[in-house]
Amino acid sequence: MTMMAFFSSSSQPQKGVVVTVPVLVLAVSVAALTLVFLASSLSAPCSCSLPPPSPFSALPAAGGERVSATADDIEWVREQIRGNGLHMQDNVLRKGINPRTRAQQLQDLIQYKGISHYDGPDSDNHTALPCPGELLVEEHHSNYGEPWAGGRDVFEFLAESTNLSPNSQVLEIGCGTLRVGLHFIRYLAPSGFHCLERDELSLMAALRYELPSQGLLHKRPVIVRGEDMDFTRFGDGVSYDLIYASAVFLHMPDNLVWTGLERLAGKLKPYIGRIYVSHNIKFCSRLGGEQCTKRLSDLGLEYLGKRTHDSLLFNHYEIWFEFRRSRA
């Protein structure tokens, strides 16, 4: 049996192309094999060499989100400054800008309330969470021995050093007004950040100003007012990836620091969890090397060494001492 293709006529013979069934089947088979070969070639991994990653690239956090700025990021912002012809100027009175100290801002707030404000008996009915003026002018940002921006440096160093992920659990001993904590709260899943703080004014600044103004109330950090290293209100089942104390142990008696470490050792994840203490560990060194190592070992802790990190924005470096839980 034959099939006439392209041209056919029952009355007069004409030039045409005759294709038999076996030939057609063979042609279809060859075409199918060709398509399979092309598909496999396109999907095969490329053997060509790729450029190596930039040595300046910052490590991403475990969750895939980069934490610190890269060399490309820094060059980008420098280019924005150059491209716009910007130079640092004195902050003086000029059109639309009236520089004020925090004390002057507070006085203006008390005297004038605001450019537009409500008066009368229901004036407080329009503000869901009234905030004291001292907090609104951010006086608490000057409560530290270094710029407020240094809190970001601490976060980046600790997050990358511990390979933190958004699902990690973090405890800060002495979080103050959340200079560092805000960055952890923003990065971590809700309730992933815990804090023990004794100072009432710092806690008021954290809860009444910092969290609402940064849009972080939905993150529900667990912030507890307490002292004497009492961590019971955080629960028994919590297991931390990171515990840190920034310039806190300096102001505590040695025996209280050891009490805290004893209570926290069992709450740190074995082997992978880390404790970081800033500035110095005189609570340990005052015992002497061998005695300190033995006491840490009795708690199931191991000292890993001293580390430093630089600030992104000002001439400053910070010293940290690293510990881990050495047994399950």
C-alpha atoms as a PDB file:
ATOM      1  CA  MET A   1       0.000   0.000   0.000  1.00  0.00           C
ATOM      2  CA  THR A   2       1.266   3.418  -0.949  1.00  0.00           C
ATOM      3  CA  MET A   3       0.384   6.967   0.039  1.00  0.00           C
ATOM      4  CA  MET A   4       0.533   9.862  -2.406  1.00  0.00           C
ATOM      5  CA  ALA A   5       1.961  12.971  -0.783  1.00  0.00           C
ATOM      6  CA  PHE A   6       1.921  16.645  -1.864  1.00  0.00           C
ATOM      7  CA  PHE A   7       0.243  15.916  -5.208  1.00  0.00           C
ATOM      8  CA  SER A   8      -2.300  13.318  -6.333  1.00  0.00           C
ATOM      9  CA  SER A   9      -4.809  12.872  -9.220  1.00  0.00           C
ATOM     10  CA  SER A  10      -7.049   9.967 -10.254  1.00  0.00           C
ATOM     11  CA  SER A  11      -7.459  11.139 -13.822  1.00  0.00           C
ATOM     12  CA  GLN A  12      -4.079  12.251 -15.173  1.00  0.00           C
ATOM     13  CA  PRO A  13      -0.608  11.136 -14.125  1.00  0.00           C
ATOM     14  CA  GLN A  14       1.399  14.028 -12.597  1.00  0.00           C
ATOM     15  CA  LYS A  15       4.812  14.475 -11.089  1.00  0.00           C
ATOM     16  CA  GLY A  16       4.717  13.972  -7.351  1.00  0.00           C
ATOM     17  CA  VAL A  17       6.425  12.374  -4.387  1.00  0.00           C
ATOM     18  CA  VAL A  18       5.556   8.882  -3.255  1.00  0.00           C
ATOM     19  CA  VAL A  19       6.371   7.935   0.320  1.00  0.00           C
ATOM     20  CA  THR A  20       6.019   4.366   1.436  1.00  0.00           C
ATOM     21  CA  VAL A  21       4.981   3.491   5.007  1.00  0.00           C
ATOM     22  CA  PRO A  22       8.382   1.995   5.992  1.00  0.00           C
ATOM     23  CA  VAL A  23      10.185   5.126   4.812  1.00  0.00           C
ATOM     24  CA  LEU A  24       7.789   7.375   6.750  1.00  0.00           C
ATOM     25  CA  VAL A  25       8.266   5.371   9.935  1.00  0.00           C
ATOM     26  CA  LEU A  26      12.050   5.539   9.560  1.00  0.00           C
ATOM     27  CA  ALA A  27      11.943   9.341   9.051  1.00  0.00           C
ATOM     28  CA  VAL A  28       9.781   9.853  12.139  1.00  0.00           C
ATOM     29  CA  SER A  29      12.139   7.680  14.219  1.00  0.00           C
ATOM     30  CA  VAL A  30      15.204   9.634  13.105  1.00  0.00           C
ATOM     31  CA  ALA A  31      13.476  12.926  13.902  1.00  0.00           C
ATOM     32  CA  ALA A  32      12.513  11.677  17.375  1.00  0.00           C
ATOM     33  CA  LEU A  33      16.076  10.557  18.131  1.00  0.00           C
ATOM     34  CA  THR A  34      17.412  13.938  16.964  1.00  0.00           C
ATOM     35  CA  LEU A  35      15.032  15.793  19.305  1.00  0.00           C
ATOM     36  CA  VAL A  36      16.060  13.595  22.253  1.00  0.00           C
ATOM     37  CA  PHE A  37      19.748  14.268  21.555  1.00  0.00           C
ATOM     38  CA  LEU A  38      19.188  18.030  21.318  1.00  0.00           C
ATOM     39  CA  ALA A  39      17.155  18.109  24.528  1.00  0.00           C
ATOM     40  CA  SER A  40      19.782  16.193  26.470  1.00  0.00           C
ATOM     41  CA  SER A  41      22.536  18.465  25.119  1.00  0.00           C
ATOM     42  CA  LEU A  42      20.690  21.612  26.164  1.00  0.00           C
ATOM     43  CA  SER A  43      19.917  20.306  29.641  1.00  0.00           C
ATOM     44  CA  ALA A  44      23.422  18.987  30.363  1.00  0.00           C
ATOM     45  CA  PRO A  45      25.476  21.058  32.780  1.00  0.00           C
ATOM     46  CA  CYS A  46      27.820  23.536  31.178  1.00  0.00           C
ATOM     47  CA  SER A  47      31.473  22.491  31.342  1.00  0.00           C
ATOM     48  CA  CYS A  48      32.690  26.025  30.724  1.00  0.00           C
ATOM     49  CA  SER A  49      34.578  27.736  33.498  1.00  0.00           C
ATOM     50  CA  LEU A  50      32.766  30.371  35.575  1.00  0.00           C
ATOM     51  CA  PRO A  51      34.414  33.397  37.172  1.00  0.00           C
ATOM     52  CA  PRO A  52      35.313  32.811  40.838  1.00  0.00           C
ATOM     53  CA  PRO A  53      33.146  34.526  43.468  1.00  0.00           C
ATOM     54  CA  SER A  54      34.318  37.904  44.696  1.00  0.00           C
ATOM     55  CA  PRO A  55      36.622  37.548  47.690  1.00  0.00           C
ATOM     56  CA  PHE A  56      34.847  40.531  49.265  1.00  0.00           C
ATOM     57  CA  SER A  57      31.385  38.965  49.246  1.00  0.00           C
ATOM     58  CA  ALA A  58      29.825  38.764  52.690  1.00  0.00           C
ATOM     59  CA  LEU A  59      28.649  35.360  53.816  1.00  0.00           C
ATOM     60  CA  PRO A  60      24.864  34.922  53.668  1.00  0.00           C
ATOM     61  CA  ALA A  61      23.072  33.863  56.801  1.00  0.00           C
ATOM     62  CA  ALA A  62      21.873  30.269  57.007  1.00  0.00           C
ATOM     63  CA  GLY A  63      18.419  31.392  55.916  1.00  0.00           C
ATOM     64  CA  GLY A  64      19.841  32.662  52.615  1.00  0.00           C
ATOM     65  CA  GLU A  65      19.631  36.361  53.476  1.00  0.00           C
ATOM     66  CA  ARG A  66      22.898  38.275  53.450  1.00  0.00           C
ATOM     67  CA  VAL A  67      23.559  39.977  56.777  1.00  0.00           C
ATOM     68  CA  SER A  68      26.485  42.355  56.257  1.00  0.00           C
ATOM     69  CA  ALA A  69      27.399  44.742  53.454  1.00  0.00           C
ATOM     70  CA  THR A  70      29.646  43.572  50.611  1.00  0.00           C
ATOM     71  CA  ALA A  71      32.405  45.539  48.889  1.00  0.00           C
ATOM     72  CA  ASP A  72      29.969  46.078  46.007  1.00  0.00           C
ATOM     73  CA  ASP A  73      27.395  47.534  48.422  1.00  0.00           C
ATOM     74  CA  ILE A  74      29.936  49.961  49.844  1.00  0.00           C
ATOM     75  CA  GLU A  75      31.136  50.998  46.395  1.00  0.00           C
ATOM     76  CA  TRP A  76      27.513  51.566  45.339  1.00  0.00           C
ATOM     77  CA  VAL A  77      26.818  54.018  48.165  1.00  0.00           C
ATOM     78  CA  ARG A  78      30.114  55.811  47.534  1.00  0.00           C
ATOM     79  CA  GLU A  79      29.130  56.178  43.894  1.00  0.00           C
ATOM     80  CA  GLN A  80      25.769  57.652  44.949  1.00  0.00           C
ATOM     81  CA  ILE A  81      27.606  60.264  47.012  1.00  0.00           C
ATOM     82  CA  ARG A  82      30.077  61.036  44.211  1.00  0.00           C
ATOM     83  CA  GLY A  83      27.408  61.068  41.527  1.00  0.00           C
ATOM     84  CA  ASN A  84      25.286  63.538  43.465  1.00  0.00           C
ATOM     85  CA  GLY A  85      28.280  65.752  44.274  1.00  0.00           C
ATOM     86  CA  LEU A  86      27.696  65.471  48.023  1.00  0.00           C
ATOM     87  CA  HIS A  87      30.054  66.826  50.696  1.00  0.00           C
ATOM     88  CA  MET A  88      29.575  66.919  54.471  1.00  0.00           C
ATOM     89  CA  GLN A  89      28.274  70.322  55.551  1.00  0.00           C
ATOM     90  CA  ASP A  90      27.780  72.066  58.880  1.00  0.00           C
ATOM     91  CA  ASN A  91      24.323  71.385  60.244  1.00  0.00           C
ATOM     92  CA  VAL A  92      23.093  74.982  60.419  1.00  0.00           C
ATOM     93  CA  LEU A  93      19.752  76.716  59.979  1.00  0.00           C
ATOM     94  CA  ARG A  94      18.661  76.721  56.360  1.00  0.00           C
ATOM     95  CA  LYS A  95      15.454  76.739  54.366  1.00  0.00           C
ATOM     96  CA  GLY A  96      13.092  74.081  55.673  1.00  0.00           C
ATOM     97  CA  ILE A  97      15.617  72.758  58.230  1.00  0.00           C
ATOM     98  CA  ASN A  98      15.952  73.940  61.819  1.00  0.00           C
ATOM     99  CA  PRO A  99      18.639  71.920  63.633  1.00  0.00           C
ATOM    100  CA  ARG A 100      17.768  71.282  67.280  1.00  0.00           C
ATOM    101  CA  THR A 101      19.490  69.475  70.102  1.00  0.00           C
ATOM    102  CA  ARG A 102      17.543  66.731  71.824  1.00  0.00           C
ATOM    103  CA  ALA A 103      16.943  69.035  74.779  1.00  0.00           C
ATOM    104  CA  GLN A 104      15.544  71.701  72.433  1.00  0.00           C
ATOM    105  CA  GLN A 105      13.392  69.111  70.648  1.00  0.00           C
ATOM    106  CA  LEU A 106      11.959  67.984  73.964  1.00  0.00           C
ATOM    107  CA  GLN A 107      11.162  71.564  75.002  1.00  0.00           C
ATOM    108  CA  ASP A 108       9.485  72.191  71.641  1.00  0.00           C
ATOM    109  CA  LEU A 109       7.450  69.034  72.060  1.00  0.00           C
ATOM    110  CA  ILE A 110       6.305  70.041  75.540  1.00  0.00           C
ATOM    111  CA  GLN A 111       5.538  73.628  74.531  1.00  0.00           C
ATOM    112  CA  TYR A 112       4.081  73.196  71.050  1.00  0.00           C
ATOM    113  CA  LYS A 113       3.145  69.472  71.013  1.00  0.00           C
ATOM    114  CA  GLY A 114       3.440  69.366  67.243  1.00  0.00           C
ATOM    115  CA  ILE A 115       2.784  71.464  64.151  1.00  0.00           C
ATOM    116  CA  SER A 116      -0.690  69.940  63.968  1.00  0.00           C
ATOM    117  CA  HIS A 117      -2.213  68.476  67.125  1.00  0.00           C
ATOM    118  CA  TYR A 118      -5.518  67.821  68.874  1.00  0.00           C
ATOM    119  CA  ASP A 119      -6.727  70.048  71.730  1.00  0.00           C
ATOM    120  CA  GLY A 120      -9.437  69.681  74.279  1.00  0.00           C
ATOM    121  CA  PRO A 121     -10.602  66.883  76.574  1.00  0.00           C
ATOM    122  CA  ASP A 122     -10.393  64.207  73.865  1.00  0.00           C
ATOM    123  CA  SER A 123      -6.866  65.093  72.747  1.00  0.00           C
ATOM    124  CA  ASP A 124      -5.531  61.758  73.995  1.00  0.00           C
ATOM    125  CA  ASN A 125      -8.162  59.715  72.148  1.00  0.00           C
ATOM    126  CA  HIS A 126      -6.285  59.888  68.827  1.00  0.00           C
ATOM    127  CA  THR A 127      -3.028  58.285  69.931  1.00  0.00           C
ATOM    128  CA  ALA A 128      -3.142  54.527  70.461  1.00  0.00           C
ATOM    129  CA  LEU A 129       0.167  54.295  72.340  1.00  0.00           C
ATOM    130  CA  PRO A 130       1.165  57.691  73.795  1.00  0.00           C
ATOM    131  CA  CYS A 131       4.937  57.885  74.180  1.00  0.00           C
ATOM    132  CA  PRO A 132       6.852  60.114  76.628  1.00  0.00           C
ATOM    133  CA  GLY A 133       8.630  63.023  74.978  1.00  0.00           C
ATOM    134  CA  GLU A 134      12.028  61.922  76.306  1.00  0.00           C
ATOM    135  CA  LEU A 135      11.700  58.755  74.261  1.00  0.00           C
ATOM    136  CA  LEU A 136      10.341  60.498  71.164  1.00  0.00           C
ATOM    137  CA  VAL A 137      13.461  62.663  70.920  1.00  0.00           C
ATOM    138  CA  GLU A 138      15.595  59.532  71.390  1.00  0.00           C
ATOM    139  CA  GLU A 139      17.559  60.672  74.407  1.00  0.00           C
ATOM    140  CA  HIS A 140      18.182  56.992  75.208  1.00  0.00           C
ATOM    141  CA  HIS A 141      20.279  56.674  72.033  1.00  0.00           C
ATOM    142  CA  SER A 142      22.987  58.579  73.904  1.00  0.00           C
ATOM    143  CA  ASN A 143      23.078  56.170  76.848  1.00  0.00           C
ATOM    144  CA  TYR A 144      25.977  54.174  75.422  1.00  0.00           C
ATOM    145  CA  GLY A 145      29.683  54.795  75.170  1.00  0.00           C
ATOM    146  CA  GLU A 146      29.607  54.609  71.379  1.00  0.00           C
ATOM    147  CA  PRO A 147      27.235  55.574  68.535  1.00  0.00           C
ATOM    148  CA  TRP A 148      23.844  53.902  68.286  1.00  0.00           C
ATOM    149  CA  ALA A 149      24.867  52.557  64.872  1.00  0.00           C
ATOM    150  CA  GLY A 150      27.332  50.209  66.581  1.00  0.00           C
ATOM    151  CA  GLY A 151      24.427  47.920  67.411  1.00  0.00           C
ATOM    152  CA  ARG A 152      24.281  46.830  63.782  1.00  0.00           C
ATOM    153  CA  ASP A 153      27.975  45.906  63.855  1.00  0.00           C
ATOM    154  CA  VAL A 154      27.399  43.615  66.831  1.00  0.00           C
ATOM    155  CA  PHE A 155      24.422  41.939  65.167  1.00  0.00           C
ATOM    156  CA  GLU A 156      26.290  41.255  61.930  1.00  0.00           C
ATOM    157  CA  PHE A 157      29.306  39.817  63.734  1.00  0.00           C
ATOM    158  CA  LEU A 158      27.287  37.516  65.994  1.00  0.00           C
ATOM    159  CA  ALA A 159      24.818  36.409  63.313  1.00  0.00           C
ATOM    160  CA  GLU A 160      27.556  35.434  60.870  1.00  0.00           C
ATOM    161  CA  SER A 161      29.834  33.907  63.517  1.00  0.00           C
ATOM    162  CA  THR A 162      27.077  31.535  64.631  1.00  0.00           C
ATOM    163  CA  ASN A 163      25.595  30.894  61.163  1.00  0.00           C
ATOM    164  CA  LEU A 164      22.263  32.127  62.461  1.00  0.00           C
ATOM    165  CA  SER A 165      18.997  31.451  60.620  1.00  0.00           C
ATOM    166  CA  PRO A 166      15.582  33.119  61.039  1.00  0.00           C
ATOM    167  CA  ASN A 167      14.418  30.079  63.029  1.00  0.00           C
ATOM    168  CA  SER A 168      17.244  30.342  65.569  1.00  0.00           C
ATOM    169  CA  GLN A 169      16.678  31.161  69.246  1.00  0.00           C
ATOM    170  CA  VAL A 170      18.711  34.024  70.724  1.00  0.00           C
ATOM    171  CA  LEU A 171      19.057  35.309  74.285  1.00  0.00           C
ATOM    172  CA  GLU A 172      20.637  38.647  75.169  1.00  0.00           C
ATOM    173  CA  ILE A 173      21.615  39.254  78.772  1.00  0.00           C
ATOM    174  CA  GLY A 174      21.079  42.973  79.302  1.00  0.00           C
ATOM    175  CA  CYS A 175      19.450  44.114  76.045  1.00  0.00           C
ATOM    176  CA  GLY A 176      18.952  47.686  77.293  1.00  0.00           C
ATOM    177  CA  THR A 177      17.006  49.798  74.819  1.00  0.00           C
ATOM    178  CA  LEU A 178      17.491  47.218  72.023  1.00  0.00           C
ATOM    179  CA  ARG A 179      20.419  48.928  70.303  1.00  0.00           C
ATOM    180  CA  VAL A 180      21.524  45.448  69.178  1.00  0.00           C
ATOM    181  CA  GLY A 181      18.324  43.547  69.805  1.00  0.00           C
ATOM    182  CA  LEU A 182      16.264  45.425  67.200  1.00  0.00           C
ATOM    183  CA  HIS A 183      18.334  43.861  64.425  1.00  0.00           C
ATOM    184  CA  PHE A 184      17.923  40.344  65.837  1.00  0.00           C
ATOM    185  CA  ILE A 185      14.178  40.875  66.327  1.00  0.00           C
ATOM    186  CA  ARG A 186      13.775  42.026  62.727  1.00  0.00           C
ATOM    187  CA  TYR A 187      15.758  39.051  61.399  1.00  0.00           C
ATOM    188  CA  LEU A 188      14.381  36.258  63.593  1.00  0.00           C
ATOM    189  CA  ALA A 189      10.958  34.624  63.483  1.00  0.00           C
ATOM    190  CA  PRO A 190       8.381  35.854  66.025  1.00  0.00           C
ATOM    191  CA  SER A 191       9.372  35.123  69.649  1.00  0.00           C
ATOM    192  CA  GLY A 192      12.856  34.072  68.503  1.00  0.00           C
ATOM    193  CA  PHE A 193      14.530  36.819  70.557  1.00  0.00           C
ATOM    194  CA  HIS A 194      14.656  36.696  74.366  1.00  0.00           C
ATOM    195  CA  CYS A 195      16.042  39.360  76.673  1.00  0.00           C
ATOM    196  CA  LEU A 196      16.687  39.730  80.397  1.00  0.00           C
ATOM    197  CA  GLU A 197      17.058  43.377  81.471  1.00  0.00           C
ATOM    198  CA  ARG A 198      16.964  44.997  84.913  1.00  0.00           C
ATOM    199  CA  ASP A 199      16.772  48.725  84.031  1.00  0.00           C
ATOM    200  CA  GLU A 200      13.211  50.057  83.927  1.00  0.00           C
ATOM    201  CA  LEU A 201      13.899  53.143  81.790  1.00  0.00           C
ATOM    202  CA  SER A 202      15.673  51.024  79.188  1.00  0.00           C
ATOM    203  CA  LEU A 203      12.707  48.652  79.034  1.00  0.00           C
ATOM    204  CA  MET A 204      10.282  51.562  78.663  1.00  0.00           C
ATOM    205  CA  ALA A 205      12.331  52.875  75.734  1.00  0.00           C
ATOM    206  CA  ALA A 206      12.385  49.417  74.158  1.00  0.00           C
ATOM    207  CA  LEU A 207       8.672  48.690  74.544  1.00  0.00           C
ATOM    208  CA  ARG A 208       7.107  52.146  74.193  1.00  0.00           C
ATOM    209  CA  TYR A 209       9.305  53.583  71.474  1.00  0.00           C
ATOM    210  CA  GLU A 210      11.755  51.289  69.683  1.00  0.00           C
ATOM    211  CA  LEU A 211       9.496  48.333  68.898  1.00  0.00           C
ATOM    212  CA  PRO A 212       6.462  50.420  67.817  1.00  0.00           C
ATOM    213  CA  SER A 213       8.499  52.963  65.820  1.00  0.00           C
ATOM    214  CA  GLN A 214      10.394  50.201  63.992  1.00  0.00           C
ATOM    215  CA  GLY A 215       7.205  48.293  63.152  1.00  0.00           C
ATOM    216  CA  LEU A 216       8.316  45.247  65.128  1.00  0.00           C
ATOM    217  CA  LEU A 217       5.458  44.718  67.585  1.00  0.00           C
ATOM    218  CA  HIS A 218       4.274  41.723  65.549  1.00  0.00           C
ATOM    219  CA  LYS A 219       7.577  39.945  66.236  1.00  0.00           C
ATOM    220  CA  ARG A 220       6.579  39.484  69.915  1.00  0.00           C
ATOM    221  CA  PRO A 221      10.079  39.344  71.451  1.00  0.00           C
ATOM    222  CA  VAL A 222      10.149  37.861  74.937  1.00  0.00           C
ATOM    223  CA  ILE A 223      11.487  40.723  77.068  1.00  0.00           C
ATOM    224  CA  VAL A 224      11.631  40.127  80.814  1.00  0.00           C
ATOM    225  CA  ARG A 225      12.471  42.551  83.599  1.00  0.00           C
ATOM    226  CA  GLY A 226      14.669  40.750  86.077  1.00  0.00           C
ATOM    227  CA  GLU A 227      18.042  40.489  87.725  1.00  0.00           C
ATOM    228  CA  ASP A 228      20.229  38.018  89.592  1.00  0.00           C
ATOM    229  CA  MET A 229      20.451  35.948  86.391  1.00  0.00           C
ATOM    230  CA  ASP A 230      16.963  34.488  86.826  1.00  0.00           C
ATOM    231  CA  PHE A 231      15.911  32.927  83.512  1.00  0.00           C
ATOM    232  CA  THR A 232      12.920  30.908  84.753  1.00  0.00           C
ATOM    233  CA  ARG A 233      10.339  33.065  82.973  1.00  0.00           C
ATOM    234  CA  PHE A 234      11.691  31.999  79.583  1.00  0.00           C
ATOM    235  CA  GLY A 235      10.521  28.428  80.206  1.00  0.00           C
ATOM    236  CA  ASP A 236      12.212  25.078  80.670  1.00  0.00           C
ATOM    237  CA  GLY A 237      12.073  23.754  77.103  1.00  0.00           C
ATOM    238  CA  VAL A 238      13.913  26.570  75.314  1.00  0.00           C
ATOM    239  CA  SER A 239      17.216  25.749  73.612  1.00  0.00           C
ATOM    240  CA  TYR A 240      19.399  28.623  72.399  1.00  0.00           C
ATOM    241  CA  ASP A 241      21.617  28.884  69.331  1.00  0.00           C
ATOM    242  CA  LEU A 242      23.204  32.058  70.676  1.00  0.00           C
ATOM    243  CA  ILE A 243      23.514  33.661  74.112  1.00  0.00           C
ATOM    244  CA  TYR A 244      25.422  36.927  74.346  1.00  0.00           C
ATOM    245  CA  ALA A 245      26.227  39.643  76.857  1.00  0.00           C
ATOM    246  CA  SER A 246      27.593  42.965  75.608  1.00  0.00           C
ATOM    247  CA  ALA A 247      29.438  44.947  78.317  1.00  0.00           C
ATOM    248  CA  VAL A 248      27.201  43.416  81.000  1.00  0.00           C
ATOM    249  CA  PHE A 249      29.405  40.985  82.931  1.00  0.00           C
ATOM    250  CA  LEU A 250      31.788  43.901  83.589  1.00  0.00           C
ATOM    251  CA  HIS A 251      29.284  45.281  86.083  1.00  0.00           C
ATOM    252  CA  MET A 252      28.446  42.024  87.869  1.00  0.00           C
ATOM    253  CA  PRO A 253      30.179  40.264  90.753  1.00  0.00           C
ATOM    254  CA  ASP A 254      32.072  37.192  89.564  1.00  0.00           C
ATOM    255  CA  ASN A 255      29.965  34.766  91.581  1.00  0.00           C
ATOM    256  CA  LEU A 256      26.775  36.083  89.913  1.00  0.00           C
ATOM    257  CA  VAL A 257      28.284  35.594  86.444  1.00  0.00           C
ATOM    258  CA  TRP A 258      29.148  31.990  87.307  1.00  0.00           C
ATOM    259  CA  THR A 259      25.621  31.480  88.644  1.00  0.00           C
ATOM    260  CA  GLY A 260      24.252  32.664  85.329  1.00  0.00           C
ATOM    261  CA  LEU A 261      26.549  30.415  83.322  1.00  0.00           C
ATOM    262  CA  GLU A 262      25.530  27.456  85.444  1.00  0.00           C
ATOM    263  CA  ARG A 263      21.861  28.146  84.747  1.00  0.00           C
ATOM    264  CA  LEU A 264      22.397  28.732  81.038  1.00  0.00           C
ATOM    265  CA  ALA A 265      24.771  25.890  80.165  1.00  0.00           C
ATOM    266  CA  GLY A 266      21.924  23.387  79.865  1.00  0.00           C
ATOM    267  CA  LYS A 267      19.891  25.792  77.693  1.00  0.00           C
ATOM    268  CA  LEU A 268      22.608  26.120  75.041  1.00  0.00           C
ATOM    269  CA  LYS A 269      22.455  23.749  72.084  1.00  0.00           C
ATOM    270  CA  PRO A 270      25.268  21.182  72.397  1.00  0.00           C
ATOM    271  CA  TYR A 271      28.335  21.763  70.209  1.00  0.00           C
ATOM    272  CA  ILE A 272      26.704  24.222  67.771  1.00  0.00           C
ATOM    273  CA  GLY A 273      25.332  26.748  70.264  1.00  0.00           C
ATOM    274  CA  ARG A 274      27.557  29.662  71.287  1.00  0.00           C
ATOM    275  CA  ILE A 275      27.972  32.056  74.203  1.00  0.00           C
ATOM    276  CA  TYR A 276      29.697  35.361  73.404  1.00  0.00           C
ATOM    277  CA  VAL A 277      30.906  37.784  76.087  1.00  0.00           C
ATOM    278  CA  SER A 278      32.309  41.189  75.162  1.00  0.00           C
ATOM    279  CA  HIS A 279      35.237  43.273  76.436  1.00  0.00           C
ATOM    280  CA  ASN A 280      36.835  40.869  78.945  1.00  0.00           C
ATOM    281  CA  ILE A 281      36.265  37.707  80.966  1.00  0.00           C
ATOM    282  CA  LYS A 282      37.848  38.719  84.262  1.00  0.00           C
ATOM    283  CA  PHE A 283      35.303  36.554  86.042  1.00  0.00           C
ATOM    284  CA  CYS A 284      37.287  33.688  84.526  1.00  0.00           C
ATOM    285  CA  SER A 285      40.848  35.020  84.368  1.00  0.00           C
ATOM    286  CA  ARG A 286      40.826  36.004  88.019  1.00  0.00           C
ATOM    287  CA  LEU A 287      40.573  32.315  88.883  1.00  0.00           C
ATOM    288  CA  GLY A 288      43.687  31.451  86.883  1.00  0.00           C
ATOM    289  CA  GLY A 289      43.853  29.477  83.647  1.00  0.00           C
ATOM    290  CA  GLU A 290      43.653  25.923  84.964  1.00  0.00           C
ATOM    291  CA  GLN A 291      40.985  26.679  87.546  1.00  0.00           C
ATOM    292  CA  CYS A 292      38.892  28.585  85.021  1.00  0.00           C
ATOM    293  CA  THR A 293      39.097  25.745  82.483  1.00  0.00           C
ATOM    294  CA  LYS A 294      38.107  23.220  85.147  1.00  0.00           C
ATOM    295  CA  ARG A 295      35.139  25.270  86.307  1.00  0.00           C
ATOM    296  CA  LEU A 296      33.919  25.726  82.752  1.00  0.00           C
ATOM    297  CA  SER A 297      34.358  21.995  82.112  1.00  0.00           C
ATOM    298  CA  ASP A 298      32.322  21.181  85.217  1.00  0.00           C
ATOM    299  CA  LEU A 299      29.481  23.183  83.651  1.00  0.00           C
ATOM    300  CA  GLY A 300      29.908  21.422  80.297  1.00  0.00           C
ATOM    301  CA  LEU A 301      31.339  24.564  78.668  1.00  0.00           C
ATOM    302  CA  GLU A 302      34.508  25.102  76.657  1.00  0.00           C
ATOM    303  CA  TYR A 303      36.363  28.325  75.918  1.00  0.00           C
ATOM    304  CA  LEU A 304      37.103  28.637  72.182  1.00  0.00           C
ATOM    305  CA  GLY A 305      39.053  31.882  72.003  1.00  0.00           C
ATOM    306  CA  LYS A 306      39.041  35.645  71.511  1.00  0.00           C
ATOM    307  CA  ARG A 307      37.665  37.340  68.411  1.00  0.00           C
ATOM    308  CA  THR A 308      37.315  40.918  67.187  1.00  0.00           C
ATOM    309  CA  HIS A 309      35.176  42.738  64.668  1.00  0.00           C
ATOM    310  CA  ASP A 310      35.409  46.209  63.121  1.00  0.00           C
ATOM    311  CA  SER A 311      32.704  48.826  62.816  1.00  0.00           C
ATOM    312  CA  LEU A 312      31.301  49.694  59.407  1.00  0.00           C
ATOM    313  CA  LEU A 313      30.768  53.386  60.125  1.00  0.00           C
ATOM    314  CA  PHE A 314      33.324  54.574  62.690  1.00  0.00           C
ATOM    315  CA  ASN A 315      36.833  53.811  63.875  1.00  0.00           C
ATOM    316  CA  HIS A 316      36.146  51.126  66.441  1.00  0.00           C
ATOM    317  CA  TYR A 317      36.670  47.447  67.051  1.00  0.00           C
ATOM    318  CA  GLU A 318      35.117  45.230  69.682  1.00  0.00           C
ATOM    319  CA  ILE A 319      36.513  42.186  71.487  1.00  0.00           C
ATOM    320  CA  TRP A 320      34.440  39.060  72.068  1.00  0.00           C
ATOM    321  CA  PHE A 321      35.150  35.823  73.919  1.00  0.00           C
ATOM    322  CA  GLU A 322      33.559  32.667  72.533  1.00  0.00           C
ATOM    323  CA  PHE A 323      32.312  29.601  74.451  1.00  0.00           C
ATOM    324  CA  ARG A 324      30.391  26.498  73.458  1.00  0.00           C
ATOM    325  CA  ARG A 325      28.619  23.625  75.177  1.00  0.00           C
ATOM    326  CA  SER A 326      31.072  20.742  74.890  1.00  0.00           C
ATOM    327  CA  ARG A 327      28.780  17.858  75.735  1.00  0.00           C
ATOM    328  CA  ALA A 328      25.149  16.876  75.228  1.00  0.00           C
END
